[in-house]
Amino acid sequence: MIKRKGYWDLPKGKIEKGENDEEGAMREVEEETGLVGMYIEKHLVDTFHTYELKGKWVLKRSTWFLMKCEGSPNLIPQTEEEIELVEWCSQNTLTSRLSESYATISQVWDAFISSSNPEH
């Protein structure tokens, strides 16, 4: 998880020209966390949220993926993006941080749990 502007979040950002969703997701995770050597296992969910930009409301779609990497490499916060902390965390820790996060992160977590449970 990353901590930015007082909220726990997951790495995300905007797709650059010429990128697909997978390429953009990999780049954003690398930039915001310093993590390299990861791969996408599967798509989890798309979420939507609004924000204000230059006096106008914007609807943003975020596409979320389950990514994996070898080991537990050191993480480096991208301070230029106001990321204060980057931490690996357990499922219990993540669950406890949802109250200090955005609503869409709960949707991503629910999608992860559902995709990990063979009964769903």
PDB file of N, CA and C in Angstrom:
ATOM      1  N   MET A   1       0.846  -1.180   0.000  1.00  0.00           N
ATOM      2  CA  MET A   1       0.000   0.000   0.000  1.00  0.00           C
ATOM      3  C   MET A   1       0.891   1.243   0.000  1.00  0.00           C
ATOM      4  N   ILE A   2       0.339   2.321  -0.497  1.00  0.00           N
ATOM      5  CA  ILE A   2       1.022   3.602  -0.449  1.00  0.00           C
ATOM      6  C   ILE A   2       0.228   4.547   0.435  1.00  0.00           C
ATOM      7  N   LYS A   3       0.918   5.480   1.071  1.00  0.00           N
ATOM      8  CA  LYS A   3       0.237   6.516   1.851  1.00  0.00           C
ATOM      9  C   LYS A   3       0.553   7.853   1.201  1.00  0.00           C
ATOM     10  N   ARG A   4      -0.536   8.537   0.811  1.00  0.00           N
ATOM     11  CA  ARG A   4      -0.398   9.825   0.143  1.00  0.00           C
ATOM     12  C   ARG A   4      -1.485  10.753   0.660  1.00  0.00           C
ATOM     13  N   LYS A   5      -1.086  11.946   1.055  1.00  0.00           N
ATOM     14  CA  LYS A   5      -2.023  12.971   1.524  1.00  0.00           C
ATOM     15  C   LYS A   5      -2.902  12.451   2.665  1.00  0.00           C
ATOM     16  N   GLY A   6      -2.317  11.617   3.533  1.00  0.00           N
ATOM     17  CA  GLY A   6      -3.017  11.131   4.705  1.00  0.00           C
ATOM     18  C   GLY A   6      -3.907   9.924   4.490  1.00  0.00           C
ATOM     19  N   TYR A   7      -3.962   9.402   3.272  1.00  0.00           N
ATOM     20  CA  TYR A   7      -4.814   8.249   2.967  1.00  0.00           C
ATOM     21  C   TYR A   7      -3.976   7.063   2.508  1.00  0.00           C
ATOM     22  N   TRP A   8      -4.395   5.870   2.925  1.00  0.00           N
ATOM     23  CA  TRP A   8      -3.798   4.640   2.402  1.00  0.00           C
ATOM     24  C   TRP A   8      -4.459   4.347   1.065  1.00  0.00           C
ATOM     25  N   ASP A   9      -3.660   3.947   0.115  1.00  0.00           N
ATOM     26  CA  ASP A   9      -4.131   3.768  -1.258  1.00  0.00           C
ATOM     27  C   ASP A   9      -3.337   2.640  -1.898  1.00  0.00           C
ATOM     28  N   LEU A  10      -3.625   2.377  -3.140  1.00  0.00           N
ATOM     29  CA  LEU A  10      -2.844   1.453  -3.951  1.00  0.00           C
ATOM     30  C   LEU A  10      -2.291   2.242  -5.130  1.00  0.00           C
ATOM     31  N   PRO A  11      -1.152   1.834  -5.660  1.00  0.00           N
ATOM     32  CA  PRO A  11      -0.579   2.579  -6.788  1.00  0.00           C
ATOM     33  C   PRO A  11      -1.548   2.624  -7.971  1.00  0.00           C
ATOM     34  N   LYS A  12      -1.642   3.790  -8.577  1.00  0.00           N
ATOM     35  CA  LYS A  12      -2.468   3.964  -9.772  1.00  0.00           C
ATOM     36  C   LYS A  12      -2.098   5.278 -10.430  1.00  0.00           C
ATOM     37  N   GLY A  13      -2.590   5.461 -11.628  1.00  0.00           N
ATOM     38  CA  GLY A  13      -2.316   6.710 -12.319  1.00  0.00           C
ATOM     39  C   GLY A  13      -2.968   6.738 -13.671  1.00  0.00           C
ATOM     40  N   LYS A  14      -2.495   7.630 -14.485  1.00  0.00           N
ATOM     41  CA  LYS A  14      -3.062   7.804 -15.822  1.00  0.00           C
ATOM     42  C   LYS A  14      -2.246   7.023 -16.847  1.00  0.00           C
ATOM     43  N   ILE A  15      -2.960   6.505 -17.838  1.00  0.00           N
ATOM     44  CA  ILE A  15      -2.327   5.801 -18.950  1.00  0.00           C
ATOM     45  C   ILE A  15      -1.693   6.850 -19.870  1.00  0.00           C
ATOM     46  N   GLU A  16      -0.471   6.596 -20.279  1.00  0.00           N
ATOM     47  CA  GLU A  16       0.205   7.508 -21.197  1.00  0.00           C
ATOM     48  C   GLU A  16      -0.118   7.118 -22.636  1.00  0.00           C
ATOM     49  N   LYS A  17       0.040   8.074 -23.527  1.00  0.00           N
ATOM     50  CA  LYS A  17      -0.242   7.839 -24.945  1.00  0.00           C
ATOM     51  C   LYS A  17       0.561   6.631 -25.434  1.00  0.00           C
ATOM     52  N   GLY A  18      -0.123   5.721 -26.105  1.00  0.00           N
ATOM     53  CA  GLY A  18       0.517   4.534 -26.663  1.00  0.00           C
ATOM     54  C   GLY A  18       0.533   3.340 -25.723  1.00  0.00           C
ATOM     55  N   GLU A  19       0.115   3.522 -24.456  1.00  0.00           N
ATOM     56  CA  GLU A  19       0.087   2.418 -23.499  1.00  0.00           C
ATOM     57  C   GLU A  19      -1.294   1.767 -23.480  1.00  0.00           C
ATOM     58  N   ASN A  20      -1.318   0.469 -23.176  1.00  0.00           N
ATOM     59  CA  ASN A  20      -2.590  -0.172 -22.859  1.00  0.00           C
ATOM     60  C   ASN A  20      -2.714  -0.195 -21.332  1.00  0.00           C
ATOM     61  N   ASP A  21      -3.848  -0.684 -20.839  1.00  0.00           N
ATOM     62  CA  ASP A  21      -4.080  -0.674 -19.390  1.00  0.00           C
ATOM     63  C   ASP A  21      -3.005  -1.444 -18.634  1.00  0.00           C
ATOM     64  N   GLU A  22      -2.602  -2.593 -19.158  1.00  0.00           N
ATOM     65  CA  GLU A  22      -1.599  -3.417 -18.478  1.00  0.00           C
ATOM     66  C   GLU A  22      -0.247  -2.712 -18.406  1.00  0.00           C
ATOM     67  N   GLU A  23       0.185  -2.125 -19.515  1.00  0.00           N
ATOM     68  CA  GLU A  23       1.466  -1.411 -19.537  1.00  0.00           C
ATOM     69  C   GLU A  23       1.451  -0.216 -18.594  1.00  0.00           C
ATOM     70  N   GLY A  24       0.349   0.533 -18.598  1.00  0.00           N
ATOM     71  CA  GLY A  24       0.240   1.681 -17.712  1.00  0.00           C
ATOM     72  C   GLY A  24       0.251   1.280 -16.247  1.00  0.00           C
ATOM     73  N   ALA A  25      -0.442   0.186 -15.926  1.00  0.00           N
ATOM     74  CA  ALA A  25      -0.471  -0.294 -14.543  1.00  0.00           C
ATOM     75  C   ALA A  25       0.922  -0.698 -14.072  1.00  0.00           C
ATOM     76  N   MET A  26       1.636  -1.421 -14.900  1.00  0.00           N
ATOM     77  CA  MET A  26       2.994  -1.852 -14.536  1.00  0.00           C
ATOM     78  C   MET A  26       3.904  -0.641 -14.342  1.00  0.00           C
ATOM     79  N   ARG A  27       3.829   0.323 -15.238  1.00  0.00           N
ATOM     80  CA  ARG A  27       4.665   1.525 -15.137  1.00  0.00           C
ATOM     81  C   ARG A  27       4.337   2.309 -13.867  1.00  0.00           C
ATOM     82  N   GLU A  28       3.045   2.506 -13.593  1.00  0.00           N
ATOM     83  CA  GLU A  28       2.656   3.274 -12.407  1.00  0.00           C
ATOM     84  C   GLU A  28       3.117   2.597 -11.120  1.00  0.00           C
ATOM     85  N   VAL A  29       2.978   1.282 -11.028  1.00  0.00           N
ATOM     86  CA  VAL A  29       3.440   0.573  -9.824  1.00  0.00           C
ATOM     87  C   VAL A  29       4.950   0.739  -9.680  1.00  0.00           C
ATOM     88  N   GLU A  30       5.678   0.600 -10.777  1.00  0.00           N
ATOM     89  CA  GLU A  30       7.133   0.768 -10.710  1.00  0.00           C
ATOM     90  C   GLU A  30       7.503   2.182 -10.281  1.00  0.00           C
ATOM     91  N   GLU A  31       6.857   3.201 -10.872  1.00  0.00           N
ATOM     92  CA  GLU A  31       7.187   4.588 -10.534  1.00  0.00           C
ATOM     93  C   GLU A  31       6.854   4.920  -9.079  1.00  0.00           C
ATOM     94  N   GLU A  32       5.679   4.490  -8.617  1.00  0.00           N
ATOM     95  CA  GLU A  32       5.220   4.902  -7.290  1.00  0.00           C
ATOM     96  C   GLU A  32       5.829   4.102  -6.150  1.00  0.00           C
ATOM     97  N   THR A  33       6.338   2.902  -6.445  1.00  0.00           N
ATOM     98  CA  THR A  33       6.847   2.032  -5.377  1.00  0.00           C
ATOM     99  C   THR A  33       8.306   1.634  -5.531  1.00  0.00           C
ATOM    100  N   GLY A  34       8.879   1.840  -6.715  1.00  0.00           N
ATOM    101  CA  GLY A  34      10.241   1.382  -6.971  1.00  0.00           C
ATOM    102  C   GLY A  34      10.324  -0.112  -7.259  1.00  0.00           C
ATOM    103  N   LEU A  35       9.187  -0.783  -7.291  1.00  0.00           N
ATOM    104  CA  LEU A  35       9.144  -2.229  -7.495  1.00  0.00           C
ATOM    105  C   LEU A  35       9.405  -2.572  -8.956  1.00  0.00           C
ATOM    106  N   VAL A  36      10.304  -3.506  -9.190  1.00  0.00           N
ATOM    107  CA  VAL A  36      10.572  -4.000 -10.544  1.00  0.00           C
ATOM    108  C   VAL A  36      10.445  -5.521 -10.536  1.00  0.00           C
ATOM    109  N   GLY A  37      10.312  -6.099 -11.719  1.00  0.00           N
ATOM    110  CA  GLY A  37      10.253  -7.554 -11.826  1.00  0.00           C
ATOM    111  C   GLY A  37       8.898  -8.150 -11.514  1.00  0.00           C
ATOM    112  N   MET A  38       7.844  -7.331 -11.612  1.00  0.00           N
ATOM    113  CA  MET A  38       6.517  -7.881 -11.338  1.00  0.00           C
ATOM    114  C   MET A  38       5.852  -8.276 -12.651  1.00  0.00           C
ATOM    115  N   TYR A  39       4.763  -9.018 -12.513  1.00  0.00           N
ATOM    116  CA  TYR A  39       3.978  -9.403 -13.683  1.00  0.00           C
ATOM    117  C   TYR A  39       2.506  -9.402 -13.301  1.00  0.00           C
ATOM    118  N   ILE A  40       1.669  -9.253 -14.292  1.00  0.00           N
ATOM    119  CA  ILE A  40       0.226  -9.255 -14.065  1.00  0.00           C
ATOM    120  C   ILE A  40      -0.269 -10.689 -14.115  1.00  0.00           C
ATOM    121  N   GLU A  41      -0.968 -11.079 -13.064  1.00  0.00           N
ATOM    122  CA  GLU A  41      -1.573 -12.408 -13.040  1.00  0.00           C
ATOM    123  C   GLU A  41      -2.963 -12.389 -13.662  1.00  0.00           C
ATOM    124  N   LYS A  42      -3.773 -11.369 -13.286  1.00  0.00           N
ATOM    125  CA  LYS A  42      -5.119 -11.279 -13.861  1.00  0.00           C
ATOM    126  C   LYS A  42      -5.740  -9.924 -13.563  1.00  0.00           C
ATOM    127  N   HIS A  43      -6.759  -9.602 -14.338  1.00  0.00           N
ATOM    128  CA  HIS A  43      -7.572  -8.416 -14.116  1.00  0.00           C
ATOM    129  C   HIS A  43      -8.464  -8.680 -12.911  1.00  0.00           C
ATOM    130  N   LEU A  44      -8.624  -7.672 -12.045  1.00  0.00           N
ATOM    131  CA  LEU A  44      -9.499  -7.818 -10.878  1.00  0.00           C
ATOM    132  C   LEU A  44     -10.841  -7.113 -11.057  1.00  0.00           C
ATOM    133  N   VAL A  45     -10.794  -5.813 -11.316  1.00  0.00           N
ATOM    134  CA  VAL A  45     -12.028  -5.028 -11.351  1.00  0.00           C
ATOM    135  C   VAL A  45     -11.735  -3.662 -11.960  1.00  0.00           C
ATOM    136  N   ASP A  46     -12.749  -3.020 -12.479  1.00  0.00           N
ATOM    137  CA  ASP A  46     -12.673  -1.613 -12.860  1.00  0.00           C
ATOM    138  C   ASP A  46     -13.491  -0.828 -11.845  1.00  0.00           C
ATOM    139  N   THR A  47     -12.967   0.313 -11.400  1.00  0.00           N
ATOM    140  CA  THR A  47     -13.696   1.178 -10.475  1.00  0.00           C
ATOM    141  C   THR A  47     -13.813   2.566 -11.100  1.00  0.00           C
ATOM    142  N   PHE A  48     -14.717   3.358 -10.547  1.00  0.00           N
ATOM    143  CA  PHE A  48     -14.934   4.719 -11.036  1.00  0.00           C
ATOM    144  C   PHE A  48     -14.985   5.673  -9.847  1.00  0.00           C
ATOM    145  N   HIS A  49     -14.393   6.844 -10.011  1.00  0.00           N
ATOM    146  CA  HIS A  49     -14.505   7.889  -9.008  1.00  0.00           C
ATOM    147  C   HIS A  49     -14.437   9.242  -9.709  1.00  0.00           C
ATOM    148  N   THR A  50     -14.890  10.266  -9.007  1.00  0.00           N
ATOM    149  CA  THR A  50     -14.867  11.608  -9.571  1.00  0.00           C
ATOM    150  C   THR A  50     -13.887  12.476  -8.794  1.00  0.00           C
ATOM    151  N   TYR A  51     -13.365  13.476  -9.471  1.00  0.00           N
ATOM    152  CA  TYR A  51     -12.519  14.478  -8.831  1.00  0.00           C
ATOM    153  C   TYR A  51     -12.646  15.773  -9.620  1.00  0.00           C
ATOM    154  N   GLU A  52     -12.279  16.860  -8.974  1.00  0.00           N
ATOM    155  CA  GLU A  52     -12.365  18.165  -9.618  1.00  0.00           C
ATOM    156  C   GLU A  52     -11.004  18.549 -10.180  1.00  0.00           C
ATOM    157  N   LEU A  53     -11.004  19.027 -11.424  1.00  0.00           N
ATOM    158  CA  LEU A  53      -9.782  19.453 -12.086  1.00  0.00           C
ATOM    159  C   LEU A  53     -10.075  20.746 -12.831  1.00  0.00           C
ATOM    160  N   LYS A  54      -9.402  21.805 -12.432  1.00  0.00           N
ATOM    161  CA  LYS A  54      -9.553  23.116 -13.077  1.00  0.00           C
ATOM    162  C   LYS A  54     -11.011  23.553 -13.137  1.00  0.00           C
ATOM    163  N   GLY A  55     -11.726  23.329 -12.025  1.00  0.00           N
ATOM    164  CA  GLY A  55     -13.104  23.791 -11.926  1.00  0.00           C
ATOM    165  C   GLY A  55     -14.145  22.890 -12.574  1.00  0.00           C
ATOM    166  N   LYS A  56     -13.729  21.754 -13.125  1.00  0.00           N
ATOM    167  CA  LYS A  56     -14.674  20.827 -13.760  1.00  0.00           C
ATOM    168  C   LYS A  56     -14.546  19.456 -13.122  1.00  0.00           C
ATOM    169  N   TRP A  57     -15.681  18.755 -13.048  1.00  0.00           N
ATOM    170  CA  TRP A  57     -15.681  17.406 -12.491  1.00  0.00           C
ATOM    171  C   TRP A  57     -15.304  16.399 -13.565  1.00  0.00           C
ATOM    172  N   VAL A  58     -14.445  15.461 -13.175  1.00  0.00           N
ATOM    173  CA  VAL A  58     -13.945  14.431 -14.074  1.00  0.00           C
ATOM    174  C   VAL A  58     -14.355  13.067 -13.516  1.00  0.00           C
ATOM    175  N   LEU A  59     -14.827  12.183 -14.386  1.00  0.00           N
ATOM    176  CA  LEU A  59     -15.107  10.796 -14.016  1.00  0.00           C
ATOM    177  C   LEU A  59     -13.922   9.959 -14.474  1.00  0.00           C
ATOM    178  N   LYS A  60     -13.274   9.286 -13.531  1.00  0.00           N
ATOM    179  CA  LYS A  60     -12.084   8.488 -13.855  1.00  0.00           C
ATOM    180  C   LYS A  60     -12.369   7.003 -13.650  1.00  0.00           C
ATOM    181  N   ARG A  61     -12.031   6.230 -14.665  1.00  0.00           N
ATOM    182  CA  ARG A  61     -12.076   4.776 -14.571  1.00  0.00           C
ATOM    183  C   ARG A  61     -10.678   4.292 -14.228  1.00  0.00           C
ATOM    184  N   SER A  62     -10.598   3.406 -13.237  1.00  0.00           N
ATOM    185  CA  SER A  62      -9.314   2.765 -12.910  1.00  0.00           C
ATOM    186  C   SER A  62      -9.471   1.267 -13.129  1.00  0.00           C
ATOM    187  N   THR A  63      -8.524   0.685 -13.827  1.00  0.00           N
ATOM    188  CA  THR A  63      -8.512  -0.749 -14.072  1.00  0.00           C
ATOM    189  C   THR A  63      -7.466  -1.354 -13.148  1.00  0.00           C
ATOM    190  N   TRP A  64      -7.889  -2.328 -12.351  1.00  0.00           N
ATOM    191  CA  TRP A  64      -7.035  -2.908 -11.323  1.00  0.00           C
ATOM    192  C   TRP A  64      -6.643  -4.334 -11.696  1.00  0.00           C
ATOM    193  N   PHE A  65      -5.382  -4.663 -11.424  1.00  0.00           N
ATOM    194  CA  PHE A  65      -4.843  -5.989 -11.725  1.00  0.00           C
ATOM    195  C   PHE A  65      -4.206  -6.596 -10.483  1.00  0.00           C
ATOM    196  N   LEU A  66      -4.254  -7.920 -10.412  1.00  0.00           N
ATOM    197  CA  LEU A  66      -3.472  -8.646  -9.418  1.00  0.00           C
ATOM    198  C   LEU A  66      -2.090  -8.819 -10.016  1.00  0.00           C
ATOM    199  N   MET A  67      -1.079  -8.298  -9.328  1.00  0.00           N
ATOM    200  CA  MET A  67       0.305  -8.407  -9.777  1.00  0.00           C
ATOM    201  C   MET A  67       1.091  -9.216  -8.767  1.00  0.00           C
ATOM    202  N   LYS A  68       2.096  -9.886  -9.251  1.00  0.00           N
ATOM    203  CA  LYS A  68       2.971 -10.663  -8.379  1.00  0.00           C
ATOM    204  C   LYS A  68       4.418 -10.347  -8.720  1.00  0.00           C
ATOM    205  N   CYS A  69       5.293 -10.623  -7.748  1.00  0.00           N
ATOM    206  CA  CYS A  69       6.728 -10.489  -7.963  1.00  0.00           C
ATOM    207  C   CYS A  69       7.424 -11.521  -7.097  1.00  0.00           C
ATOM    208  N   GLU A  70       8.684 -11.733  -7.338  1.00  0.00           N
ATOM    209  CA  GLU A  70       9.473 -12.678  -6.557  1.00  0.00           C
ATOM    210  C   GLU A  70       9.947 -12.022  -5.270  1.00  0.00           C
ATOM    211  N   GLY A  71       9.783 -12.713  -4.153  1.00  0.00           N
ATOM    212  CA  GLY A  71      10.287 -12.219  -2.874  1.00  0.00           C
ATOM    213  C   GLY A  71       9.506 -11.026  -2.361  1.00  0.00           C
ATOM    214  N   SER A  72      10.127 -10.257  -1.496  1.00  0.00           N
ATOM    215  CA  SER A  72       9.553  -9.025  -0.937  1.00  0.00           C
ATOM    216  C   SER A  72      10.573  -7.905  -1.063  1.00  0.00           C
ATOM    217  N   PRO A  73      10.788  -7.439  -2.287  1.00  0.00           N
ATOM    218  CA  PRO A  73      11.824  -6.418  -2.504  1.00  0.00           C
ATOM    219  C   PRO A  73      11.556  -5.136  -1.724  1.00  0.00           C
ATOM    220  N   ASN A  74      12.622  -4.374  -1.523  1.00  0.00           N
ATOM    221  CA  ASN A  74      12.498  -3.075  -0.862  1.00  0.00           C
ATOM    222  C   ASN A  74      11.654  -2.147  -1.719  1.00  0.00           C
ATOM    223  N   LEU A  75      10.887  -1.313  -1.069  1.00  0.00           N
ATOM    224  CA  LEU A  75      10.005  -0.376  -1.749  1.00  0.00           C
ATOM    225  C   LEU A  75      10.499   1.043  -1.526  1.00  0.00           C
ATOM    226  N   ILE A  76      10.353   1.891  -2.543  1.00  0.00           N
ATOM    227  CA  ILE A  76      10.825   3.272  -2.485  1.00  0.00           C
ATOM    228  C   ILE A  76       9.676   4.192  -2.879  1.00  0.00           C
ATOM    229  N   PRO A  77       9.198   5.042  -1.966  1.00  0.00           N
ATOM    230  CA  PRO A  77       8.078   5.935  -2.305  1.00  0.00           C
ATOM    231  C   PRO A  77       8.487   7.000  -3.314  1.00  0.00           C
ATOM    232  N   GLN A  78       7.602   7.285  -4.243  1.00  0.00           N
ATOM    233  CA  GLN A  78       7.830   8.348  -5.223  1.00  0.00           C
ATOM    234  C   GLN A  78       7.433   9.671  -4.582  1.00  0.00           C
ATOM    235  N   THR A  79       8.396  10.330  -3.970  1.00  0.00           N
ATOM    236  CA  THR A  79       8.110  11.549  -3.213  1.00  0.00           C
ATOM    237  C   THR A  79       7.621  12.688  -4.109  1.00  0.00           C
ATOM    238  N   GLU A  80       7.992  12.679  -5.391  1.00  0.00           N
ATOM    239  CA  GLU A  80       7.533  13.721  -6.314  1.00  0.00           C
ATOM    240  C   GLU A  80       6.017  13.675  -6.474  1.00  0.00           C
ATOM    241  N   GLU A  81       5.419  12.522  -6.198  1.00  0.00           N
ATOM    242  CA  GLU A  81       3.961  12.361  -6.269  1.00  0.00           C
ATOM    243  C   GLU A  81       3.335  12.423  -4.877  1.00  0.00           C
ATOM    244  N   GLU A  82       4.076  12.969  -3.914  1.00  0.00           N
ATOM    245  CA  GLU A  82       3.618  13.148  -2.535  1.00  0.00           C
ATOM    246  C   GLU A  82       3.321  11.819  -1.833  1.00  0.00           C
ATOM    247  N   ILE A  83       3.981  10.754  -2.252  1.00  0.00           N
ATOM    248  CA  ILE A  83       3.827   9.465  -1.582  1.00  0.00           C
ATOM    249  C   ILE A  83       4.774   9.456  -0.394  1.00  0.00           C
ATOM    250  N   GLU A  84       4.193   9.323   0.798  1.00  0.00           N
ATOM    251  CA  GLU A  84       4.956   9.382   2.044  1.00  0.00           C
ATOM    252  C   GLU A  84       5.552   8.028   2.416  1.00  0.00           C
ATOM    253  N   LEU A  85       4.771   6.966   2.235  1.00  0.00           N
ATOM    254  CA  LEU A  85       5.170   5.616   2.624  1.00  0.00           C
ATOM    255  C   LEU A  85       4.734   4.617   1.574  1.00  0.00           C
ATOM    256  N   VAL A  86       5.518   3.559   1.447  1.00  0.00           N
ATOM    257  CA  VAL A  86       5.128   2.394   0.652  1.00  0.00           C
ATOM    258  C   VAL A  86       5.439   1.190   1.518  1.00  0.00           C
ATOM    259  N   GLU A  87       4.441   0.342   1.728  1.00  0.00           N
ATOM    260  CA  GLU A  87       4.636  -0.798   2.623  1.00  0.00           C
ATOM    261  C   GLU A  87       3.953  -2.046   2.085  1.00  0.00           C
ATOM    262  N   TRP A  88       4.646  -3.171   2.249  1.00  0.00           N
ATOM    263  CA  TRP A  88       3.983  -4.461   2.107  1.00  0.00           C
ATOM    264  C   TRP A  88       3.126  -4.614   3.359  1.00  0.00           C
ATOM    265  N   CYS A  89       1.951  -5.179   3.242  1.00  0.00           N
ATOM    266  CA  CYS A  89       1.142  -5.376   4.440  1.00  0.00           C
ATOM    267  C   CYS A  89       0.353  -6.677   4.350  1.00  0.00           C
ATOM    268  N   SER A  90       0.031  -7.199   5.510  1.00  0.00           N
ATOM    269  CA  SER A  90      -0.745  -8.427   5.600  1.00  0.00           C
ATOM    270  C   SER A  90      -2.211  -8.131   5.264  1.00  0.00           C
ATOM    271  N   GLN A  91      -2.989  -9.190   5.072  1.00  0.00           N
ATOM    272  CA  GLN A  91      -4.417  -9.009   4.820  1.00  0.00           C
ATOM    273  C   GLN A  91      -5.095  -8.307   5.996  1.00  0.00           C
ATOM    274  N   ASN A  92      -4.713  -8.657   7.219  1.00  0.00           N
ATOM    275  CA  ASN A  92      -5.313  -8.007   8.395  1.00  0.00           C
ATOM    276  C   ASN A  92      -4.983  -6.520   8.437  1.00  0.00           C
ATOM    277  N   THR A  93      -3.738  -6.182   8.131  1.00  0.00           N
ATOM    278  CA  THR A  93      -3.346  -4.775   8.125  1.00  0.00           C
ATOM    279  C   THR A  93      -4.097  -4.016   7.042  1.00  0.00           C
ATOM    280  N   LEU A  94      -4.177  -4.599   5.856  1.00  0.00           N
ATOM    281  CA  LEU A  94      -4.894  -3.939   4.767  1.00  0.00           C
ATOM    282  C   LEU A  94      -6.344  -3.709   5.162  1.00  0.00           C
ATOM    283  N   THR A  95      -6.985  -4.711   5.711  1.00  0.00           N
ATOM    284  CA  THR A  95      -8.386  -4.582   6.127  1.00  0.00           C
ATOM    285  C   THR A  95      -8.549  -3.460   7.142  1.00  0.00           C
ATOM    286  N   SER A  96      -7.618  -3.361   8.086  1.00  0.00           N
ATOM    287  CA  SER A  96      -7.723  -2.306   9.106  1.00  0.00           C
ATOM    288  C   SER A  96      -7.484  -0.917   8.514  1.00  0.00           C
ATOM    289  N   ARG A  97      -6.779  -0.823   7.401  1.00  0.00           N
ATOM    290  CA  ARG A  97      -6.497   0.472   6.774  1.00  0.00           C
ATOM    291  C   ARG A  97      -7.620   0.955   5.850  1.00  0.00           C
ATOM    292  N   LEU A  98      -8.593   0.111   5.571  1.00  0.00           N
ATOM    293  CA  LEU A  98      -9.661   0.507   4.653  1.00  0.00           C
ATOM    294  C   LEU A  98     -10.434   1.712   5.159  1.00  0.00           C
ATOM    295  N   SER A  99     -10.522   1.871   6.470  1.00  0.00           N
ATOM    296  CA  SER A  99     -11.221   3.038   7.022  1.00  0.00           C
ATOM    297  C   SER A  99     -10.437   4.333   6.802  1.00  0.00           C
ATOM    298  N   GLU A 100      -9.154   4.216   6.477  1.00  0.00           N
ATOM    299  CA  GLU A 100      -8.295   5.376   6.203  1.00  0.00           C
ATOM    300  C   GLU A 100      -7.950   5.434   4.715  1.00  0.00           C
ATOM    301  N   SER A 101      -8.851   4.899   3.887  1.00  0.00           N
ATOM    302  CA  SER A 101      -8.600   4.795   2.465  1.00  0.00           C
ATOM    303  C   SER A 101      -9.806   5.320   1.685  1.00  0.00           C
ATOM    304  N   TYR A 102      -9.730   5.220   0.370  1.00  0.00           N
ATOM    305  CA  TYR A 102     -10.832   5.618  -0.500  1.00  0.00           C
ATOM    306  C   TYR A 102     -11.779   4.443  -0.694  1.00  0.00           C
ATOM    307  N   ALA A 103     -13.052   4.734  -0.979  1.00  0.00           N
ATOM    308  CA  ALA A 103     -14.068   3.683  -1.139  1.00  0.00           C
ATOM    309  C   ALA A 103     -13.692   2.687  -2.238  1.00  0.00           C
ATOM    310  N   THR A 104     -13.034   3.156  -3.287  1.00  0.00           N
ATOM    311  CA  THR A 104     -12.687   2.250  -4.377  1.00  0.00           C
ATOM    312  C   THR A 104     -11.684   1.176  -3.943  1.00  0.00           C
ATOM    313  N   ILE A 105     -10.873   1.459  -2.932  1.00  0.00           N
ATOM    314  CA  ILE A 105      -9.905   0.461  -2.474  1.00  0.00           C
ATOM    315  C   ILE A 105     -10.633  -0.723  -1.840  1.00  0.00           C
ATOM    316  N   SER A 106     -11.755  -0.470  -1.178  1.00  0.00           N
ATOM    317  CA  SER A 106     -12.573  -1.567  -0.652  1.00  0.00           C
ATOM    318  C   SER A 106     -13.124  -2.419  -1.797  1.00  0.00           C
ATOM    319  N   GLN A 107     -13.492  -1.777  -2.903  1.00  0.00           N
ATOM    320  CA  GLN A 107     -13.979  -2.526  -4.066  1.00  0.00           C
ATOM    321  C   GLN A 107     -12.874  -3.418  -4.646  1.00  0.00           C
ATOM    322  N   VAL A 108     -11.669  -2.898  -4.700  1.00  0.00           N
ATOM    323  CA  VAL A 108     -10.540  -3.686  -5.201  1.00  0.00           C
ATOM    324  C   VAL A 108     -10.278  -4.862  -4.262  1.00  0.00           C
ATOM    325  N   TRP A 109     -10.301  -4.609  -2.963  1.00  0.00           N
ATOM    326  CA  TRP A 109     -10.072  -5.664  -1.974  1.00  0.00           C
ATOM    327  C   TRP A 109     -11.145  -6.745  -2.089  1.00  0.00           C
ATOM    328  N   ASP A 110     -12.419  -6.330  -2.208  1.00  0.00           N
ATOM    329  CA  ASP A 110     -13.511  -7.291  -2.352  1.00  0.00           C
ATOM    330  C   ASP A 110     -13.332  -8.140  -3.618  1.00  0.00           C
ATOM    331  N   ALA A 111     -12.908  -7.510  -4.708  1.00  0.00           N
ATOM    332  CA  ALA A 111     -12.669  -8.247  -5.954  1.00  0.00           C
ATOM    333  C   ALA A 111     -11.531  -9.246  -5.780  1.00  0.00           C
ATOM    334  N   PHE A 112     -10.483  -8.851  -5.056  1.00  0.00           N
ATOM    335  CA  PHE A 112      -9.371  -9.761  -4.804  1.00  0.00           C
ATOM    336  C   PHE A 112      -9.844 -10.964  -3.993  1.00  0.00           C
ATOM    337  N   ILE A 113     -10.584 -10.707  -2.913  1.00  0.00           N
ATOM    338  CA  ILE A 113     -11.073 -11.790  -2.061  1.00  0.00           C
ATOM    339  C   ILE A 113     -11.973 -12.731  -2.876  1.00  0.00           C
ATOM    340  N   SER A 114     -12.876 -12.171  -3.667  1.00  0.00           N
ATOM    341  CA  SER A 114     -13.765 -12.994  -4.491  1.00  0.00           C
ATOM    342  C   SER A 114     -13.010 -13.824  -5.507  1.00  0.00           C
ATOM    343  N   SER A 115     -11.977 -13.238  -6.107  1.00  0.00           N
ATOM    344  CA  SER A 115     -11.210 -13.970  -7.117  1.00  0.00           C
ATOM    345  C   SER A 115     -10.328 -15.038  -6.500  1.00  0.00           C
ATOM    346  N   SER A 116     -10.014 -14.890  -5.216  1.00  0.00           N
ATOM    347  CA  SER A 116      -9.168 -15.863  -4.524  1.00  0.00           C
ATOM    348  C   SER A 116      -9.964 -17.019  -3.949  1.00  0.00           C
ATOM    349  N   ASN A 117     -11.284 -16.851  -3.875  1.00  0.00           N
ATOM    350  CA  ASN A 117     -12.153 -17.879  -3.307  1.00  0.00           C
ATOM    351  C   ASN A 117     -12.753 -18.707  -4.447  1.00  0.00           C
ATOM    352  N   PRO A 118     -12.416 -19.994  -4.546  1.00  0.00           N
ATOM    353  CA  PRO A 118     -12.897 -20.813  -5.661  1.00  0.00           C
ATOM    354  C   PRO A 118     -14.414 -20.973  -5.688  1.00  0.00           C
ATOM    355  N   GLU A 119     -15.107 -20.653  -4.604  1.00  0.00           N
ATOM    356  CA  GLU A 119     -16.570 -20.761  -4.590  1.00  0.00           C
ATOM    357  C   GLU A 119     -17.237 -19.605  -5.299  1.00  0.00           C
ATOM    358  N   HIS A 120     -16.519 -18.522  -5.613  1.00  0.00           N
ATOM    359  CA  HIS A 120     -17.095 -17.349  -6.307  1.00  0.00           C
ATOM    360  C   HIS A 120     -16.847 -17.395  -7.774  1.00  0.00           C
TER     361      HIS A 120
END
